[in-house]
């Protein structure tokens, strides 16, 4: 596996979203309202090629730690982008500070700059302070998630059709299975996603995502 991230490449038919990978780990870039970028899940190993691809897209102004486990790349990104603000959920903040010795802002600082149709979402029933980004697009709803779901393993930039559960997530991520399942089912009932952009594995795109996610919850 390469020690550095790939270049940031557009996510298929999703304006304002780009993805870079190192092995099966993904960092997602989101275009903010002012034209700058937010990096969701900064992955350790940002080389010159990766940095150049970001420079071509815009100025990085926010680094979003998506839960209290995903922090290994943060110090590196703070050095590369010293003016970027670190943000995380309130639940994840205490552990992230202990693990990194860095300072974090609340999500409320980022939210006014999110593009139209984009929201930060904090799932109920978890113990890791996970944050999702949901984005309404012309093709449907996109979920950008951390450890709650994963895609199949594949080449960088590949798109799978079957969603999976990260093996460690039920043990280390879930506090109350019933609360979490009820919360996800409510989201699916309101409007199911047409694509999931996970931190682990391939992108997942399918007309059957809602039923597949429901099956995972039932299992």
N, C-alpha and C. Protein backbone atom coordinates (compact mmCIF):
# COMPACT_ATOMS: atom_id res chain seq x y z
N UNK A 1 0.84 -1.19 0.00
CA UNK A 1 0.00 0.00 0.00
C UNK A 1 0.88 1.24 0.00
N UNK A 2 0.53 2.23 -0.80
CA UNK A 2 1.27 3.48 -0.84
C UNK A 2 1.21 4.18 0.51
N UNK A 3 2.28 4.91 0.82
CA UNK A 3 2.31 5.67 2.07
C UNK A 3 1.66 7.04 1.95
N UNK A 4 1.25 7.40 0.73
CA UNK A 4 0.63 8.72 0.52
C UNK A 4 -0.74 8.57 -0.13
N UNK A 5 -1.53 9.60 0.06
CA UNK A 5 -2.84 9.66 -0.57
C UNK A 5 -2.72 9.82 -2.08
N UNK A 6 -3.76 9.41 -2.77
CA UNK A 6 -3.87 9.68 -4.20
C UNK A 6 -4.21 11.15 -4.41
N UNK A 7 -4.33 11.55 -5.65
CA UNK A 7 -4.83 12.90 -5.94
C UNK A 7 -6.31 12.95 -5.60
N UNK A 8 -6.83 14.15 -5.39
CA UNK A 8 -8.26 14.33 -5.19
C UNK A 8 -8.95 14.37 -6.55
N UNK A 9 -9.83 13.41 -6.77
CA UNK A 9 -10.53 13.28 -8.04
C UNK A 9 -12.03 13.49 -7.82
N UNK A 10 -12.75 14.02 -8.81
CA UNK A 10 -14.19 14.24 -8.65
C UNK A 10 -14.93 12.95 -8.36
N UNK A 11 -15.92 13.02 -7.48
CA UNK A 11 -16.82 11.90 -7.26
C UNK A 11 -17.88 11.96 -8.34
N UNK A 12 -18.08 10.87 -9.01
CA UNK A 12 -18.89 10.81 -10.22
C UNK A 12 -20.21 11.57 -10.10
N UNK A 13 -20.39 12.55 -11.00
CA UNK A 13 -21.64 13.30 -11.13
C UNK A 13 -22.06 14.03 -9.85
N UNK A 14 -21.10 14.32 -8.99
CA UNK A 14 -21.42 15.02 -7.74
C UNK A 14 -20.59 16.30 -7.66
N UNK A 15 -21.05 17.39 -8.24
CA UNK A 15 -20.31 18.65 -8.21
C UNK A 15 -20.00 19.09 -6.78
N UNK A 16 -18.78 19.54 -6.56
CA UNK A 16 -18.41 20.01 -5.23
C UNK A 16 -17.93 18.96 -4.28
N UNK A 17 -17.77 17.71 -4.75
CA UNK A 17 -17.24 16.62 -3.93
C UNK A 17 -16.07 15.96 -4.65
N UNK A 18 -14.98 15.76 -3.90
CA UNK A 18 -13.80 15.07 -4.43
C UNK A 18 -13.34 14.06 -3.41
N UNK A 19 -12.61 13.06 -3.87
CA UNK A 19 -12.17 11.98 -3.00
C UNK A 19 -10.72 11.62 -3.29
N UNK A 20 -9.97 11.34 -2.22
CA UNK A 20 -8.61 10.81 -2.33
C UNK A 20 -8.50 9.60 -1.42
N UNK A 21 -7.69 8.61 -1.82
CA UNK A 21 -7.58 7.39 -1.04
C UNK A 21 -6.13 7.01 -0.78
N UNK A 22 -5.93 6.33 0.35
CA UNK A 22 -4.69 5.62 0.64
C UNK A 22 -5.10 4.21 1.03
N UNK A 23 -4.90 3.27 0.14
CA UNK A 23 -5.44 1.94 0.35
C UNK A 23 -6.95 1.99 0.39
N UNK A 24 -7.54 1.53 1.48
CA UNK A 24 -9.00 1.53 1.59
C UNK A 24 -9.52 2.72 2.39
N UNK A 25 -8.62 3.61 2.83
CA UNK A 25 -9.05 4.79 3.59
C UNK A 25 -9.31 5.97 2.66
N UNK A 26 -10.33 6.75 2.95
CA UNK A 26 -10.72 7.86 2.09
C UNK A 26 -10.79 9.18 2.85
N UNK A 27 -10.32 10.24 2.20
CA UNK A 27 -10.55 11.62 2.62
C UNK A 27 -11.43 12.27 1.56
N UNK A 28 -12.47 12.96 1.99
CA UNK A 28 -13.41 13.60 1.07
C UNK A 28 -13.30 15.12 1.20
N UNK A 29 -13.24 15.79 0.06
CA UNK A 29 -13.19 17.25 0.03
C UNK A 29 -14.56 17.79 -0.41
N UNK A 30 -15.06 18.78 0.33
CA UNK A 30 -16.34 19.40 0.04
C UNK A 30 -16.14 20.88 -0.24
N UNK A 31 -16.69 21.37 -1.35
CA UNK A 31 -16.65 22.79 -1.67
C UNK A 31 -17.65 23.54 -0.79
N UNK A 32 -17.15 24.53 -0.05
CA UNK A 32 -18.00 25.32 0.83
C UNK A 32 -18.61 26.51 0.09
N UNK A 33 -19.51 27.17 0.76
CA UNK A 33 -20.28 28.27 0.18
C UNK A 33 -19.38 29.41 -0.32
N UNK A 34 -18.24 29.64 0.37
CA UNK A 34 -17.34 30.73 -0.02
C UNK A 34 -16.27 30.30 -1.02
N UNK A 35 -16.36 29.07 -1.52
CA UNK A 35 -15.40 28.57 -2.51
C UNK A 35 -14.23 27.82 -1.92
N UNK A 36 -14.07 27.87 -0.61
CA UNK A 36 -12.97 27.14 0.03
C UNK A 36 -13.38 25.68 0.23
N UNK A 37 -12.50 24.90 0.88
CA UNK A 37 -12.72 23.46 1.01
C UNK A 37 -12.75 23.02 2.47
N UNK A 38 -13.59 22.04 2.74
CA UNK A 38 -13.57 21.31 3.99
C UNK A 38 -13.11 19.89 3.69
N UNK A 39 -12.13 19.39 4.45
CA UNK A 39 -11.67 18.01 4.29
C UNK A 39 -12.29 17.16 5.40
N UNK A 40 -13.08 16.18 4.98
CA UNK A 40 -13.73 15.25 5.90
C UNK A 40 -12.85 14.02 6.02
N UNK A 41 -12.40 13.73 7.24
CA UNK A 41 -11.53 12.61 7.53
C UNK A 41 -10.14 12.78 6.90
N UNK A 42 -9.36 13.74 7.37
CA UNK A 42 -7.99 13.89 6.86
C UNK A 42 -7.16 12.63 7.13
N UNK A 43 -6.71 11.99 6.07
CA UNK A 43 -5.99 10.71 6.15
C UNK A 43 -4.48 10.96 6.14
N UNK A 44 -3.77 10.35 7.06
CA UNK A 44 -2.33 10.50 7.16
C UNK A 44 -1.65 10.14 5.84
N UNK A 45 -0.72 11.01 5.40
CA UNK A 45 0.05 10.72 4.20
C UNK A 45 -0.27 11.65 3.04
N UNK A 46 -0.27 12.97 3.31
CA UNK A 46 -0.53 13.92 2.24
C UNK A 46 0.80 14.31 1.59
N UNK A 47 1.04 13.79 0.39
CA UNK A 47 2.27 14.08 -0.34
C UNK A 47 2.12 15.27 -1.26
N UNK A 48 3.18 15.57 -2.00
CA UNK A 48 3.18 16.74 -2.88
C UNK A 48 2.09 16.64 -3.95
N UNK A 49 1.92 15.46 -4.51
CA UNK A 49 0.92 15.29 -5.58
C UNK A 49 -0.49 15.54 -5.04
N UNK A 50 -0.74 15.00 -3.84
CA UNK A 50 -2.06 15.21 -3.22
C UNK A 50 -2.28 16.68 -2.92
N UNK A 51 -1.26 17.31 -2.37
CA UNK A 51 -1.39 18.71 -2.01
C UNK A 51 -1.59 19.58 -3.25
N UNK A 52 -0.89 19.27 -4.32
CA UNK A 52 -1.06 20.03 -5.56
C UNK A 52 -2.48 19.90 -6.09
N UNK A 53 -3.06 18.71 -5.97
CA UNK A 53 -4.43 18.52 -6.46
C UNK A 53 -5.42 19.33 -5.64
N UNK A 54 -5.15 19.49 -4.34
CA UNK A 54 -6.00 20.34 -3.50
C UNK A 54 -5.82 21.81 -3.84
N UNK A 55 -4.58 22.21 -4.06
CA UNK A 55 -4.30 23.61 -4.40
C UNK A 55 -5.07 24.02 -5.65
N UNK A 56 -5.18 23.09 -6.59
CA UNK A 56 -5.90 23.38 -7.83
C UNK A 56 -7.41 23.56 -7.58
N UNK A 57 -7.91 22.99 -6.48
CA UNK A 57 -9.34 23.07 -6.18
C UNK A 57 -9.69 24.30 -5.36
N UNK A 58 -8.78 24.71 -4.47
CA UNK A 58 -9.08 25.88 -3.64
C UNK A 58 -8.36 25.83 -2.31
N UNK A 59 -8.67 26.76 -1.46
CA UNK A 59 -8.02 26.90 -0.16
C UNK A 59 -8.73 26.01 0.87
N UNK A 60 -7.96 25.23 1.61
CA UNK A 60 -8.52 24.38 2.66
C UNK A 60 -8.71 25.21 3.92
N UNK A 61 -9.96 25.38 4.35
CA UNK A 61 -10.25 26.23 5.51
C UNK A 61 -10.80 25.45 6.70
N UNK A 62 -11.25 24.20 6.48
CA UNK A 62 -11.76 23.39 7.58
C UNK A 62 -11.26 21.95 7.47
N UNK A 63 -10.96 21.37 8.62
CA UNK A 63 -10.60 19.95 8.74
C UNK A 63 -11.61 19.33 9.70
N UNK A 64 -12.40 18.37 9.21
CA UNK A 64 -13.46 17.77 10.02
C UNK A 64 -13.02 16.38 10.46
N UNK A 65 -12.85 16.21 11.77
CA UNK A 65 -12.58 14.88 12.34
C UNK A 65 -13.92 14.18 12.51
N UNK A 66 -14.19 13.09 11.78
CA UNK A 66 -15.55 12.54 11.74
C UNK A 66 -15.94 11.68 12.94
N UNK A 67 -14.98 11.25 13.76
CA UNK A 67 -15.29 10.64 15.06
C UNK A 67 -14.02 10.65 15.91
N UNK A 68 -14.08 10.09 17.11
CA UNK A 68 -12.93 10.23 17.98
C UNK A 68 -11.82 9.21 17.72
N UNK A 69 -12.01 8.32 16.75
CA UNK A 69 -10.95 7.39 16.36
C UNK A 69 -10.12 7.92 15.18
N UNK A 70 -10.71 8.71 14.33
CA UNK A 70 -10.03 9.13 13.09
C UNK A 70 -9.26 10.43 13.33
N UNK A 71 -8.08 10.29 13.88
CA UNK A 71 -7.30 11.48 14.25
C UNK A 71 -5.83 11.42 13.86
N UNK A 72 -5.37 10.29 13.29
CA UNK A 72 -3.93 10.11 13.07
C UNK A 72 -3.34 11.11 12.08
N UNK A 73 -4.14 11.60 11.14
CA UNK A 73 -3.63 12.53 10.15
C UNK A 73 -3.76 14.00 10.53
N UNK A 74 -4.41 14.29 11.64
CA UNK A 74 -4.75 15.68 11.93
C UNK A 74 -3.54 16.58 12.13
N UNK A 75 -2.54 16.13 12.88
CA UNK A 75 -1.36 16.96 13.13
C UNK A 75 -0.65 17.30 11.83
N UNK A 76 -0.58 16.34 10.92
CA UNK A 76 0.05 16.57 9.63
C UNK A 76 -0.70 17.64 8.82
N UNK A 77 -2.02 17.58 8.83
CA UNK A 77 -2.82 18.53 8.06
C UNK A 77 -2.78 19.92 8.68
N UNK A 78 -2.73 19.98 10.00
CA UNK A 78 -2.60 21.27 10.66
C UNK A 78 -1.30 21.95 10.26
N UNK A 79 -0.25 21.16 10.08
CA UNK A 79 1.04 21.72 9.65
C UNK A 79 0.98 22.18 8.19
N UNK A 80 0.34 21.39 7.36
CA UNK A 80 0.24 21.72 5.93
C UNK A 80 -0.73 22.89 5.70
N UNK A 81 -1.83 22.93 6.47
CA UNK A 81 -2.85 23.97 6.32
C UNK A 81 -3.01 24.69 7.66
N UNK A 82 -2.04 25.52 8.05
CA UNK A 82 -2.04 26.12 9.39
C UNK A 82 -3.22 27.05 9.67
N UNK A 83 -3.85 27.57 8.63
CA UNK A 83 -4.98 28.49 8.83
C UNK A 83 -6.33 27.76 8.87
N UNK A 84 -6.33 26.46 8.61
CA UNK A 84 -7.58 25.70 8.61
C UNK A 84 -8.05 25.46 10.04
N UNK A 85 -9.36 25.48 10.23
CA UNK A 85 -9.96 25.26 11.55
C UNK A 85 -10.32 23.79 11.71
N UNK A 86 -9.97 23.22 12.86
CA UNK A 86 -10.32 21.85 13.19
C UNK A 86 -11.70 21.83 13.83
N UNK A 87 -12.60 20.98 13.32
CA UNK A 87 -13.94 20.88 13.90
C UNK A 87 -14.29 19.42 14.14
N UNK A 88 -15.15 19.20 15.12
CA UNK A 88 -15.62 17.85 15.44
C UNK A 88 -16.92 17.98 16.23
N UNK A 89 -17.56 16.86 16.52
CA UNK A 89 -18.76 16.88 17.34
C UNK A 89 -18.38 17.14 18.79
N UNK A 90 -19.33 17.62 19.56
CA UNK A 90 -19.09 17.87 20.97
C UNK A 90 -18.74 16.56 21.70
N UNK A 91 -19.39 15.47 21.29
CA UNK A 91 -19.16 14.18 21.94
C UNK A 91 -17.74 13.68 21.72
N UNK A 92 -17.18 13.94 20.54
CA UNK A 92 -15.84 13.45 20.22
C UNK A 92 -14.73 14.36 20.72
N UNK A 93 -15.06 15.58 21.11
CA UNK A 93 -14.05 16.61 21.35
C UNK A 93 -13.07 16.24 22.46
N UNK A 94 -13.54 15.76 23.58
CA UNK A 94 -12.67 15.50 24.72
C UNK A 94 -11.60 14.47 24.40
N UNK A 95 -12.01 13.36 23.80
CA UNK A 95 -11.03 12.31 23.48
C UNK A 95 -10.07 12.76 22.39
N UNK A 96 -10.56 13.49 21.41
CA UNK A 96 -9.68 13.99 20.35
C UNK A 96 -8.62 14.92 20.91
N UNK A 97 -8.99 15.78 21.84
CA UNK A 97 -8.02 16.67 22.45
C UNK A 97 -6.94 15.88 23.19
N UNK A 98 -7.36 14.83 23.92
CA UNK A 98 -6.41 14.01 24.66
C UNK A 98 -5.47 13.24 23.71
N UNK A 99 -6.01 12.77 22.61
CA UNK A 99 -5.22 11.96 21.68
C UNK A 99 -4.27 12.80 20.83
N UNK A 100 -4.61 14.04 20.57
CA UNK A 100 -3.84 14.85 19.61
C UNK A 100 -3.17 16.07 20.21
N UNK A 101 -3.64 16.53 21.37
CA UNK A 101 -3.17 17.78 21.97
C UNK A 101 -3.46 18.99 21.07
N UNK A 102 -4.45 18.86 20.20
CA UNK A 102 -4.86 19.94 19.31
C UNK A 102 -6.13 20.60 19.85
N UNK A 103 -6.43 21.77 19.33
CA UNK A 103 -7.64 22.49 19.71
C UNK A 103 -8.71 22.30 18.65
N UNK A 104 -9.94 22.10 19.09
CA UNK A 104 -11.05 21.83 18.19
C UNK A 104 -12.18 22.83 18.41
N UNK A 105 -12.83 23.18 17.30
CA UNK A 105 -14.02 24.03 17.34
C UNK A 105 -15.26 23.15 17.16
N UNK A 106 -16.40 23.68 17.56
CA UNK A 106 -17.66 22.95 17.37
C UNK A 106 -18.11 23.01 15.92
N UNK A 107 -18.99 22.10 15.56
CA UNK A 107 -19.50 22.02 14.19
C UNK A 107 -20.25 23.29 13.79
N UNK A 108 -20.79 24.00 14.76
CA UNK A 108 -21.56 25.21 14.45
C UNK A 108 -20.73 26.25 13.71
N UNK A 109 -19.42 26.19 13.84
CA UNK A 109 -18.57 27.14 13.12
C UNK A 109 -18.56 26.84 11.62
N UNK A 110 -18.66 25.57 11.27
CA UNK A 110 -18.65 25.14 9.87
C UNK A 110 -20.02 25.29 9.21
N UNK A 111 -21.07 25.03 9.94
CA UNK A 111 -22.40 24.85 9.34
C UNK A 111 -22.89 26.03 8.48
N UNK A 112 -22.64 27.31 8.85
CA UNK A 112 -23.11 28.40 7.98
C UNK A 112 -22.43 28.42 6.60
N UNK A 113 -21.29 27.74 6.48
CA UNK A 113 -20.55 27.74 5.22
C UNK A 113 -20.85 26.53 4.35
N UNK A 114 -21.66 25.61 4.85
CA UNK A 114 -22.00 24.43 4.05
C UNK A 114 -22.81 24.85 2.82
N UNK A 115 -22.59 24.18 1.69
CA UNK A 115 -23.34 24.55 0.48
C UNK A 115 -24.81 24.21 0.62
N UNK A 116 -25.61 24.78 -0.27
CA UNK A 116 -27.05 24.50 -0.26
C UNK A 116 -27.29 23.00 -0.31
N UNK A 117 -28.18 22.52 0.53
CA UNK A 117 -28.54 21.10 0.52
C UNK A 117 -27.63 20.22 1.34
N UNK A 118 -26.64 20.81 2.01
CA UNK A 118 -25.68 20.03 2.79
C UNK A 118 -25.90 20.26 4.28
N UNK A 119 -25.82 19.20 5.08
CA UNK A 119 -26.00 19.28 6.52
C UNK A 119 -24.99 18.38 7.23
N UNK A 120 -24.63 18.77 8.46
CA UNK A 120 -23.94 17.84 9.34
C UNK A 120 -24.99 17.07 10.11
N UNK A 121 -24.76 15.78 10.31
CA UNK A 121 -25.73 14.90 10.97
C UNK A 121 -24.97 14.05 11.99
N UNK A 122 -25.50 13.95 13.20
CA UNK A 122 -24.88 13.14 14.25
C UNK A 122 -25.82 11.99 14.60
N UNK A 123 -25.48 10.76 14.20
CA UNK A 123 -26.36 9.62 14.47
C UNK A 123 -26.57 9.39 15.96
N UNK A 124 -27.79 9.00 16.32
CA UNK A 124 -28.10 8.63 17.70
C UNK A 124 -27.61 7.21 17.98
N UNK A 125 -27.35 6.94 19.25
CA UNK A 125 -27.03 5.57 19.67
C UNK A 125 -25.58 5.17 19.54
N UNK A 126 -24.69 6.12 19.20
CA UNK A 126 -23.27 5.79 19.04
C UNK A 126 -22.47 6.35 20.21
N UNK A 127 -21.21 5.89 20.33
CA UNK A 127 -20.35 6.34 21.42
C UNK A 127 -19.05 6.96 20.92
N UNK A 128 -18.95 7.23 19.62
CA UNK A 128 -17.71 7.75 19.04
C UNK A 128 -17.81 9.19 18.60
N UNK A 129 -18.98 9.80 18.77
CA UNK A 129 -19.16 11.17 18.31
C UNK A 129 -19.11 11.31 16.80
N UNK A 130 -19.63 10.30 16.10
CA UNK A 130 -19.55 10.31 14.63
C UNK A 130 -20.41 11.42 14.03
N UNK A 131 -19.88 12.01 12.96
CA UNK A 131 -20.58 13.04 12.19
C UNK A 131 -20.67 12.59 10.74
N UNK A 132 -21.84 12.73 10.14
CA UNK A 132 -22.01 12.52 8.71
C UNK A 132 -22.19 13.88 8.04
N UNK A 133 -21.92 13.90 6.73
CA UNK A 133 -22.35 15.00 5.88
C UNK A 133 -23.40 14.44 4.92
N UNK A 134 -24.57 15.05 4.87
CA UNK A 134 -25.57 14.66 3.89
C UNK A 134 -25.71 15.79 2.87
N UNK A 135 -25.82 15.40 1.62
CA UNK A 135 -25.84 16.39 0.54
C UNK A 135 -26.93 16.06 -0.46
N UNK A 136 -27.86 16.99 -0.63
CA UNK A 136 -28.90 16.85 -1.66
C UNK A 136 -28.31 17.25 -3.01
N UNK A 137 -28.42 16.37 -3.99
CA UNK A 137 -27.92 16.66 -5.33
C UNK A 137 -29.05 16.45 -6.34
N UNK A 138 -28.78 16.79 -7.59
CA UNK A 138 -29.79 16.62 -8.63
C UNK A 138 -30.11 15.14 -8.86
N UNK A 139 -29.21 14.26 -8.46
CA UNK A 139 -29.42 12.82 -8.65
C UNK A 139 -29.98 12.14 -7.42
N UNK A 140 -30.00 12.84 -6.28
CA UNK A 140 -30.49 12.23 -5.05
C UNK A 140 -29.61 12.59 -3.88
N UNK A 141 -29.83 11.90 -2.78
CA UNK A 141 -29.15 12.20 -1.52
C UNK A 141 -27.85 11.40 -1.41
N UNK A 142 -26.78 12.09 -0.99
CA UNK A 142 -25.48 11.45 -0.76
C UNK A 142 -25.18 11.50 0.73
N UNK A 143 -24.82 10.32 1.29
CA UNK A 143 -24.36 10.25 2.67
C UNK A 143 -22.84 10.10 2.67
N UNK A 144 -22.13 11.00 3.35
CA UNK A 144 -20.71 10.82 3.60
C UNK A 144 -20.57 10.41 5.05
N UNK A 145 -20.05 9.19 5.27
CA UNK A 145 -20.05 8.58 6.60
C UNK A 145 -18.65 8.14 7.00
N UNK A 146 -18.49 7.87 8.29
CA UNK A 146 -17.18 7.47 8.79
C UNK A 146 -17.11 5.95 8.97
N UNK A 147 -17.43 5.45 10.17
CA UNK A 147 -17.29 4.02 10.45
C UNK A 147 -18.61 3.26 10.44
N UNK A 148 -19.72 3.96 10.29
CA UNK A 148 -21.02 3.30 10.37
C UNK A 148 -21.24 2.31 9.23
N UNK A 149 -20.75 2.62 8.04
CA UNK A 149 -20.85 1.72 6.90
C UNK A 149 -19.54 1.77 6.13
N UNK A 150 -19.28 0.74 5.34
CA UNK A 150 -18.11 0.72 4.48
C UNK A 150 -18.51 0.20 3.11
N UNK A 151 -17.65 0.46 2.13
CA UNK A 151 -17.84 -0.10 0.80
C UNK A 151 -16.95 -1.31 0.61
N UNK A 152 -17.18 -2.08 -0.44
CA UNK A 152 -16.30 -3.21 -0.72
C UNK A 152 -14.91 -2.73 -1.08
N UNK A 153 -13.92 -3.57 -0.87
CA UNK A 153 -12.56 -3.22 -1.26
C UNK A 153 -12.47 -3.19 -2.78
N UNK A 154 -11.72 -2.24 -3.30
CA UNK A 154 -11.57 -2.12 -4.75
C UNK A 154 -10.49 -1.13 -5.08
N UNK A 155 -10.27 -0.92 -6.35
CA UNK A 155 -9.27 0.04 -6.79
C UNK A 155 -9.68 1.46 -6.41
N UNK A 156 -8.69 2.34 -6.30
CA UNK A 156 -8.96 3.74 -5.99
C UNK A 156 -9.96 4.32 -6.98
N UNK A 157 -11.02 4.93 -6.43
CA UNK A 157 -12.04 5.53 -7.28
C UNK A 157 -13.13 4.59 -7.74
N UNK A 158 -13.04 3.32 -7.39
CA UNK A 158 -14.05 2.37 -7.85
C UNK A 158 -15.37 2.59 -7.11
N UNK A 159 -16.45 2.13 -7.73
CA UNK A 159 -17.79 2.29 -7.16
C UNK A 159 -18.43 0.91 -7.04
N UNK A 160 -18.80 0.55 -5.81
CA UNK A 160 -19.48 -0.71 -5.59
C UNK A 160 -20.98 -0.53 -5.55
N UNK A 161 -21.68 -1.65 -5.46
CA UNK A 161 -23.14 -1.60 -5.42
C UNK A 161 -23.70 -2.19 -4.12
N UNK A 162 -22.82 -2.73 -3.26
CA UNK A 162 -23.29 -3.37 -2.03
C UNK A 162 -22.63 -2.72 -0.82
N UNK A 163 -23.45 -2.25 0.10
CA UNK A 163 -22.98 -1.63 1.32
C UNK A 163 -22.61 -2.71 2.33
N UNK A 164 -21.63 -2.42 3.20
CA UNK A 164 -21.19 -3.38 4.21
C UNK A 164 -21.08 -2.69 5.56
N UNK A 165 -20.94 -3.51 6.61
CA UNK A 165 -20.69 -3.01 7.95
C UNK A 165 -19.20 -3.16 8.26
N UNK A 166 -18.55 -2.11 8.74
CA UNK A 166 -17.18 -2.21 9.18
C UNK A 166 -17.12 -3.18 10.36
N UNK A 167 -16.21 -4.15 10.30
CA UNK A 167 -16.21 -5.23 11.28
C UNK A 167 -16.13 -4.81 12.72
N UNK A 168 -15.40 -3.72 13.00
CA UNK A 168 -15.22 -3.28 14.39
C UNK A 168 -16.35 -2.37 14.87
N UNK A 169 -17.20 -1.93 13.96
CA UNK A 169 -18.18 -0.91 14.32
C UNK A 169 -19.20 -1.34 15.37
N UNK A 170 -19.81 -2.53 15.26
CA UNK A 170 -20.80 -2.89 16.28
C UNK A 170 -20.23 -2.90 17.70
N UNK A 171 -18.97 -3.31 17.84
CA UNK A 171 -18.36 -3.39 19.17
C UNK A 171 -17.88 -2.03 19.66
N UNK A 172 -17.16 -1.32 18.80
CA UNK A 172 -16.49 -0.09 19.24
C UNK A 172 -17.27 1.19 18.90
N UNK A 173 -18.27 1.07 18.04
CA UNK A 173 -18.98 2.27 17.62
C UNK A 173 -20.36 2.46 18.22
N UNK A 174 -21.06 1.35 18.49
CA UNK A 174 -22.45 1.44 18.90
C UNK A 174 -22.59 1.40 20.42
N UNK A 175 -23.34 2.35 20.94
CA UNK A 175 -23.67 2.37 22.37
C UNK A 175 -24.99 1.68 22.64
N UNK A 176 -25.99 1.94 21.80
CA UNK A 176 -27.32 1.36 21.95
C UNK A 176 -27.82 0.94 20.57
N UNK A 177 -27.83 -0.36 20.31
CA UNK A 177 -28.19 -0.87 18.98
C UNK A 177 -29.61 -0.48 18.58
N UNK A 178 -30.54 -0.55 19.54
CA UNK A 178 -31.92 -0.22 19.22
C UNK A 178 -32.09 1.23 18.85
N UNK A 179 -31.46 2.12 19.60
CA UNK A 179 -31.56 3.55 19.31
C UNK A 179 -30.94 3.86 17.96
N UNK A 180 -29.77 3.28 17.70
CA UNK A 180 -29.10 3.53 16.42
C UNK A 180 -29.93 3.00 15.25
N UNK A 181 -30.44 1.79 15.35
CA UNK A 181 -31.22 1.21 14.26
C UNK A 181 -32.48 2.03 13.99
N UNK A 182 -33.15 2.47 15.06
CA UNK A 182 -34.36 3.28 14.90
C UNK A 182 -34.03 4.59 14.21
N UNK A 183 -32.90 5.20 14.58
CA UNK A 183 -32.50 6.48 13.99
C UNK A 183 -32.23 6.31 12.49
N UNK A 184 -31.47 5.28 12.13
CA UNK A 184 -31.15 5.07 10.71
C UNK A 184 -32.41 4.77 9.92
N UNK A 185 -33.28 3.94 10.46
CA UNK A 185 -34.52 3.61 9.75
C UNK A 185 -35.37 4.84 9.52
N UNK A 186 -35.38 5.76 10.46
CA UNK A 186 -36.13 7.01 10.28
C UNK A 186 -35.53 7.84 9.14
N UNK A 187 -34.21 7.88 9.06
CA UNK A 187 -33.55 8.60 7.97
C UNK A 187 -33.88 7.96 6.62
N UNK A 188 -33.88 6.64 6.58
CA UNK A 188 -34.21 5.94 5.34
C UNK A 188 -35.65 6.21 4.92
N UNK A 189 -36.55 6.25 5.90
CA UNK A 189 -37.97 6.49 5.59
C UNK A 189 -38.19 7.90 5.08
N UNK A 190 -37.43 8.86 5.64
CA UNK A 190 -37.59 10.26 5.23
C UNK A 190 -37.09 10.46 3.80
N UNK A 191 -35.88 9.97 3.52
CA UNK A 191 -35.32 10.04 2.18
C UNK A 191 -34.06 9.17 2.13
N UNK A 192 -34.11 8.06 1.41
CA UNK A 192 -32.95 7.18 1.36
C UNK A 192 -31.84 7.75 0.49
N UNK A 193 -30.59 7.38 0.75
CA UNK A 193 -29.50 7.86 -0.09
C UNK A 193 -29.42 7.09 -1.40
N UNK A 194 -28.87 7.75 -2.43
CA UNK A 194 -28.58 7.04 -3.67
C UNK A 194 -27.09 6.70 -3.76
N UNK A 195 -26.28 7.34 -2.88
CA UNK A 195 -24.85 7.06 -2.83
C UNK A 195 -24.36 7.23 -1.40
N UNK A 196 -23.42 6.34 -1.02
CA UNK A 196 -22.73 6.48 0.26
C UNK A 196 -21.24 6.65 -0.03
N UNK A 197 -20.66 7.69 0.57
CA UNK A 197 -19.22 7.96 0.46
C UNK A 197 -18.61 7.62 1.81
N UNK A 198 -18.04 6.42 1.98
CA UNK A 198 -17.54 6.01 3.28
C UNK A 198 -16.06 6.34 3.45
N UNK A 199 -15.60 6.34 4.70
CA UNK A 199 -14.17 6.50 4.97
C UNK A 199 -13.39 5.22 4.68
N UNK A 200 -14.11 4.09 4.63
CA UNK A 200 -13.47 2.79 4.42
C UNK A 200 -14.07 2.11 3.19
N UNK A 201 -13.21 1.71 2.25
CA UNK A 201 -13.68 0.95 1.09
C UNK A 201 -14.16 1.83 -0.05
N UNK A 202 -14.75 1.19 -1.04
CA UNK A 202 -15.19 1.87 -2.25
C UNK A 202 -16.42 2.73 -2.00
N UNK A 203 -16.62 3.68 -2.89
CA UNK A 203 -17.91 4.37 -2.94
C UNK A 203 -19.00 3.34 -3.22
N UNK A 204 -20.20 3.61 -2.77
CA UNK A 204 -21.32 2.68 -3.00
C UNK A 204 -22.47 3.46 -3.61
N UNK A 205 -22.94 2.97 -4.74
CA UNK A 205 -24.07 3.62 -5.42
C UNK A 205 -25.04 2.55 -5.90
N UNK A 206 -26.32 2.68 -5.52
CA UNK A 206 -27.29 1.65 -5.88
C UNK A 206 -28.70 2.18 -5.64
N UNK A 207 -29.63 1.70 -6.45
CA UNK A 207 -31.05 2.00 -6.22
C UNK A 207 -31.60 1.21 -5.03
N UNK A 208 -30.82 0.22 -4.57
CA UNK A 208 -31.29 -0.65 -3.49
C UNK A 208 -30.62 -0.34 -2.16
N UNK A 209 -29.99 0.83 -2.04
CA UNK A 209 -29.25 1.13 -0.81
C UNK A 209 -30.14 1.07 0.43
N UNK A 210 -31.35 1.60 0.34
CA UNK A 210 -32.22 1.62 1.51
C UNK A 210 -32.51 0.21 2.01
N UNK A 211 -32.89 -0.68 1.11
CA UNK A 211 -33.20 -2.05 1.53
C UNK A 211 -31.96 -2.78 1.99
N UNK A 212 -30.82 -2.52 1.36
CA UNK A 212 -29.58 -3.17 1.77
C UNK A 212 -29.16 -2.72 3.17
N UNK A 213 -29.28 -1.42 3.45
CA UNK A 213 -28.95 -0.91 4.77
C UNK A 213 -29.89 -1.47 5.82
N UNK A 214 -31.18 -1.54 5.47
CA UNK A 214 -32.16 -2.13 6.40
C UNK A 214 -31.81 -3.57 6.70
N UNK A 215 -31.37 -4.31 5.71
CA UNK A 215 -30.98 -5.71 5.93
C UNK A 215 -29.79 -5.83 6.87
N UNK A 216 -28.84 -4.90 6.72
CA UNK A 216 -27.69 -4.89 7.62
C UNK A 216 -28.12 -4.60 9.06
N UNK A 217 -29.04 -3.67 9.22
CA UNK A 217 -29.53 -3.35 10.56
C UNK A 217 -30.26 -4.55 11.16
N UNK A 218 -31.05 -5.22 10.37
CA UNK A 218 -31.77 -6.39 10.86
C UNK A 218 -30.83 -7.52 11.26
N UNK A 219 -29.72 -7.63 10.53
CA UNK A 219 -28.75 -8.70 10.81
C UNK A 219 -27.93 -8.42 12.06
